[in-house]
Amino acid sequence: MKIEELVPEALRLPTKDRVLLAASLWDSIDDPYDLAVSLEDEEAISLALKRDEEIESGKVLALSHTQLMNRLRQ
């Protein structure tokens, strides 16, 4: 079934069923913030500063939330 067919059907469900469906779907998604290794605070800050520098220097292009969501839907 295509997403275009599934969404309208899901929206017809009672609220409780939609909540259960949403929770099931959410639980099936890997946490994008769950790193393979645990970072100490200093390492995490260093990584954040490095990412910020990459964006500020133009080395990488930051995406808006809308742009990110559009890419994820493709």
Protein backbone atom coordinates (compact mmCIF):
# COMPACT_ATOMS: atom_id res chain seq x y z
CA MET A 1 0.00 0.00 0.00
CA LYS A 2 1.33 3.45 -0.89
CA ILE A 3 1.69 6.21 1.71
CA GLU A 4 -0.85 8.31 -0.20
CA GLU A 5 -3.40 5.55 0.41
CA LEU A 6 -2.32 4.69 3.93
CA VAL A 7 -2.45 8.16 5.50
CA PRO A 8 -6.12 8.90 4.80
CA GLU A 9 -7.04 5.46 6.13
CA ALA A 10 -4.97 5.95 9.27
CA LEU A 11 -6.55 9.36 9.88
CA ARG A 12 -9.99 7.72 9.94
CA LEU A 13 -9.00 5.62 12.95
CA PRO A 14 -10.23 6.59 16.40
CA THR A 15 -7.81 8.76 18.38
CA LYS A 16 -6.68 5.94 20.66
CA ASP A 17 -5.83 3.73 17.67
CA ARG A 18 -3.97 6.58 15.94
CA VAL A 19 -1.92 7.11 19.09
CA LEU A 20 -1.04 3.42 19.27
CA LEU A 21 -0.16 3.39 15.57
CA ALA A 22 2.00 6.51 15.92
CA ALA A 23 3.79 5.04 18.94
CA SER A 24 4.43 1.78 17.10
CA LEU A 25 5.81 3.62 14.08
CA TRP A 26 7.97 5.89 16.24
CA ASP A 27 9.39 2.91 18.15
CA SER A 28 10.35 1.27 14.86
CA ILE A 29 12.64 4.16 13.90
CA ASP A 30 16.26 4.08 14.98
CA ASP A 31 17.25 7.04 17.11
CA PRO A 32 19.31 9.34 14.86
CA TYR A 33 20.96 10.78 17.97
CA ASP A 34 21.99 7.40 19.34
CA LEU A 35 25.68 7.31 18.53
CA ALA A 36 27.56 4.06 18.20
CA VAL A 37 29.87 5.31 20.92
CA SER A 38 29.04 7.35 23.95
CA LEU A 39 30.66 10.78 24.00
CA GLU A 40 31.84 12.51 27.12
CA ASP A 41 30.69 16.10 27.54
CA GLU A 42 33.99 17.54 26.33
CA GLU A 43 33.95 15.34 23.22
CA ALA A 44 30.34 16.25 22.46
CA ILE A 45 31.10 19.97 22.81
CA SER A 46 34.15 19.59 20.58
CA LEU A 47 32.05 17.82 17.94
CA ALA A 48 29.35 20.50 18.12
CA LEU A 49 31.96 23.26 17.71
CA LYS A 50 33.47 21.41 14.74
CA ARG A 51 30.02 21.09 13.08
CA ASP A 52 29.34 24.78 13.74
CA GLU A 53 32.65 25.74 12.13
CA GLU A 54 31.85 23.60 9.07
CA ILE A 55 28.56 25.46 8.65
CA GLU A 56 30.03 28.91 9.34
CA SER A 57 32.90 28.37 6.88
CA GLY A 58 30.56 27.17 4.14
CA LYS A 59 32.19 23.73 4.03
CA VAL A 60 28.76 22.21 4.59
CA LEU A 61 25.30 23.61 3.95
CA ALA A 62 22.80 23.53 6.78
CA LEU A 63 19.24 22.52 5.96
CA SER A 64 16.10 24.08 7.32
CA HIS A 65 13.62 21.81 9.06
CA THR A 66 11.34 22.00 6.00
CA GLN A 67 14.17 21.05 3.64
CA LEU A 68 15.16 18.11 5.84
CA MET A 69 11.60 16.82 6.07
CA ASN A 70 11.14 17.13 2.29
CA ARG A 71 14.31 15.10 1.70
CA LEU A 72 13.24 12.45 4.19
CA ARG A 73 9.88 12.08 2.44
CA GLN A 74 11.52 11.31 -0.91
